[in-house]
């Protein structure tokens, strides 16, 4: 998670939403990504840290099926990223801060189609949460960062005390 936090810090330093992600297999980082595209003029919802890391694996021709891979993210993956993580064969998702507005890692997959429902994945939440929370608080406290300002996520994040859920 330390490397994911460092990547998130780099994203924050350039004004992007502070999500960092690393994919680990065999005790080593095999891919990583940091959020881009969350600031004007080219803001978008495609350049999430998890998608960047998974794209780097695909570009290398790496398959995670049977690799006992884990993905570490500073924020709970959204539905898009969660689906991609499941399809990639990741066996464990570890995240720091919960995304109460768009997080999908805690959803009940019973109603999903078999392709998503039947992929075994373990989810570990709250790892180094207080450090992740600090990054998101710093982002939302900066009036220059317009991304998701005034949203449910921003309000929730700013209401959080260090390390504790409201």
Protein backbone atom coordinates (compact mmCIF):
# COMPACT_ATOMS: atom_id res chain seq x y z
CA UNK A 1 0.00 0.00 0.00
CA UNK A 2 2.98 2.26 0.53
CA UNK A 3 3.67 2.40 -3.21
CA UNK A 4 0.00 3.10 -3.96
CA UNK A 5 0.11 5.98 -1.45
CA UNK A 6 3.26 7.37 -3.10
CA UNK A 7 1.57 7.27 -6.53
CA UNK A 8 -1.52 8.95 -5.08
CA UNK A 9 0.69 11.66 -3.61
CA UNK A 10 2.23 12.27 -7.03
CA UNK A 11 -1.26 12.54 -8.56
CA UNK A 12 -2.24 15.04 -5.85
CA UNK A 13 0.93 17.07 -6.47
CA UNK A 14 -0.07 17.54 -10.12
CA UNK A 15 -3.66 18.40 -9.17
CA UNK A 16 -5.27 15.05 -9.96
CA UNK A 17 -7.52 13.03 -7.69
CA UNK A 18 -5.17 11.13 -5.34
CA UNK A 19 -5.77 7.52 -6.31
CA UNK A 20 -2.77 5.25 -6.64
CA UNK A 21 -2.83 1.57 -7.51
CA UNK A 22 -0.32 -1.26 -7.61
CA UNK A 23 -0.74 -4.86 -8.75
CA UNK A 24 1.33 -7.35 -6.78
CA UNK A 25 2.14 -10.95 -7.66
CA UNK A 26 4.83 -13.16 -6.19
CA UNK A 27 5.67 -10.49 -3.63
CA UNK A 28 6.60 -7.85 -6.20
CA UNK A 29 4.85 -4.99 -7.94
CA UNK A 30 4.16 -5.98 -11.54
CA UNK A 31 2.17 -2.91 -12.60
CA UNK A 32 1.07 0.43 -11.22
CA UNK A 33 -1.00 3.44 -12.05
CA UNK A 34 -2.06 6.81 -10.72
CA UNK A 35 -5.22 8.76 -11.50
CA UNK A 36 -5.02 11.17 -14.40
CA UNK A 37 -7.69 13.05 -16.28
CA UNK A 38 -9.47 14.55 -13.29
CA UNK A 39 -8.65 18.15 -14.12
CA UNK A 40 -9.62 20.42 -16.96
CA UNK A 41 -9.34 20.76 -19.86
CA UNK A 42 -9.35 17.01 -20.51
CA UNK A 43 -11.22 15.67 -17.49
CA UNK A 44 -12.66 12.20 -18.01
CA UNK A 45 -13.82 9.13 -16.13
CA UNK A 46 -11.63 6.61 -17.94
CA UNK A 47 -8.14 7.29 -16.63
CA UNK A 48 -8.59 5.69 -13.22
CA UNK A 49 -5.48 4.36 -11.49
CA UNK A 50 -6.74 0.77 -11.61
CA UNK A 51 -7.49 0.94 -15.34
CA UNK A 52 -4.03 2.38 -16.03
CA UNK A 53 -2.36 -0.42 -14.04
CA UNK A 54 -4.45 -3.11 -15.75
CA UNK A 55 -3.70 -1.58 -19.17
CA UNK A 56 0.02 -1.76 -18.41
CA UNK A 57 -0.35 -5.46 -17.62
CA UNK A 58 -2.25 -6.03 -20.86
CA UNK A 59 0.41 -4.15 -22.83
CA UNK A 60 3.02 -6.50 -21.32
CA UNK A 61 0.91 -9.55 -22.19
CA UNK A 62 0.63 -10.52 -18.51
CA UNK A 63 -2.29 -12.69 -17.40
CA UNK A 64 -3.22 -12.69 -13.72
CA UNK A 65 -5.26 -15.90 -13.79
CA UNK A 66 -3.53 -18.32 -11.44
CA UNK A 67 -0.97 -15.66 -10.48
CA UNK A 68 -2.42 -15.08 -6.99
CA UNK A 69 -2.35 -11.36 -7.69
CA UNK A 70 -3.51 -8.60 -5.37
CA UNK A 71 -4.38 -5.04 -6.24
CA UNK A 72 -3.77 -2.23 -3.73
CA UNK A 73 -5.66 1.05 -4.16
CA UNK A 74 -5.88 4.16 -2.05
CA UNK A 75 -9.64 4.30 -2.72
CA UNK A 76 -12.26 1.63 -3.13
CA UNK A 77 -12.60 0.78 -6.84
CA UNK A 78 -15.64 2.07 -8.73
CA UNK A 79 -17.92 -0.25 -10.67
CA UNK A 80 -15.93 0.14 -13.91
CA UNK A 81 -12.65 -0.70 -12.20
CA UNK A 82 -14.18 -3.46 -10.10
CA UNK A 83 -15.51 -5.19 -13.22
CA UNK A 84 -12.13 -4.89 -14.95
CA UNK A 85 -10.35 -6.23 -11.85
CA UNK A 86 -12.66 -9.25 -11.76
CA UNK A 87 -12.15 -9.94 -15.46
CA UNK A 88 -8.36 -9.61 -15.08
CA UNK A 89 -8.20 -12.48 -12.59
CA UNK A 90 -7.12 -10.51 -9.51
CA UNK A 91 -7.72 -12.62 -6.40
CA UNK A 92 -7.59 -9.91 -3.74
CA UNK A 93 -8.52 -6.23 -3.65
CA UNK A 94 -7.01 -4.15 -0.86
CA UNK A 95 -8.06 -0.54 -0.48
CA UNK A 96 -7.60 2.26 2.00
CA UNK A 97 -10.52 4.68 1.84
CA UNK A 98 -14.13 3.79 1.10
CA UNK A 99 -15.85 5.48 -1.82
CA UNK A 100 -19.32 5.96 -0.39
CA UNK A 101 -20.52 7.60 -3.60
CA UNK A 102 -19.27 5.23 -6.28
CA UNK A 103 -17.42 2.34 -4.65
CA UNK A 104 -18.28 -1.15 -5.84
CA UNK A 105 -15.90 -3.50 -4.02
CA UNK A 106 -18.39 -4.08 -1.22
CA UNK A 107 -21.37 -4.76 -3.47
CA UNK A 108 -23.34 -7.99 -3.35
CA UNK A 109 -22.53 -9.85 -6.57
CA UNK A 110 -25.33 -12.42 -6.25
CA UNK A 111 -27.40 -10.63 -8.89
CA UNK A 112 -24.50 -10.17 -11.31
CA UNK A 113 -24.08 -12.21 -14.49
CA UNK A 114 -21.95 -15.37 -14.00
CA UNK A 115 -18.85 -13.85 -15.58
CA UNK A 116 -18.63 -11.39 -12.68
CA UNK A 117 -20.52 -13.22 -9.96
CA UNK A 118 -18.45 -16.41 -10.11
CA UNK A 119 -14.98 -14.85 -10.08
CA UNK A 120 -13.57 -15.44 -6.60
CA UNK A 121 -12.13 -12.28 -5.09
CA UNK A 122 -11.39 -11.30 -1.52
CA UNK A 123 -11.79 -7.69 -0.45
CA UNK A 124 -9.79 -6.12 2.37
CA UNK A 125 -10.86 -2.60 3.28
CA UNK A 126 -9.43 0.15 5.43
CA UNK A 127 -5.72 -0.61 5.01
CA UNK A 128 -3.79 2.54 5.94
CA UNK A 129 -7.11 4.37 5.80
CA UNK A 130 -5.96 7.40 7.78
CA UNK A 131 -3.09 8.06 5.35
CA UNK A 132 -5.41 7.70 2.37
CA UNK A 133 -7.99 9.94 4.03
CA UNK A 134 -5.38 12.68 4.49
CA UNK A 135 -4.70 12.72 0.74
CA UNK A 136 -8.39 12.95 -0.15
CA UNK A 137 -8.99 15.63 2.48
CA UNK A 138 -6.09 17.67 1.07
CA UNK A 139 -7.56 17.32 -2.41
CA UNK A 140 -11.06 18.46 -1.43
CA UNK A 141 -9.75 21.27 0.80
CA UNK A 142 -7.98 22.84 -2.17
CA UNK A 143 -10.48 25.14 -3.95
CA UNK A 144 -8.45 24.81 -7.18
CA UNK A 145 -9.47 21.14 -7.44
CA UNK A 146 -12.93 21.18 -9.00
CA UNK A 147 -13.27 17.41 -9.44
CA UNK A 148 -16.25 16.13 -7.40
CA UNK A 149 -16.27 19.31 -5.27
CA UNK A 150 -19.58 19.63 -3.41
CA UNK A 151 -20.42 15.96 -4.00
CA UNK A 152 -21.51 13.35 -1.50
CA UNK A 153 -17.94 11.98 -1.60
CA UNK A 154 -16.38 15.39 -0.91
CA UNK A 155 -18.77 16.12 1.97
CA UNK A 156 -18.22 12.67 3.49
CA UNK A 157 -14.44 12.90 3.14
CA UNK A 158 -14.25 16.33 4.73
CA UNK A 159 -16.45 15.20 7.62
CA UNK A 160 -14.14 12.32 8.51
CA UNK A 161 -11.90 12.46 11.53
CA UNK A 162 -8.45 10.97 11.17
CA UNK A 163 -8.75 7.19 11.04
CA UNK A 164 -12.40 6.88 12.09
CA UNK A 165 -15.59 6.48 10.11
CA UNK A 166 -18.47 8.79 10.91
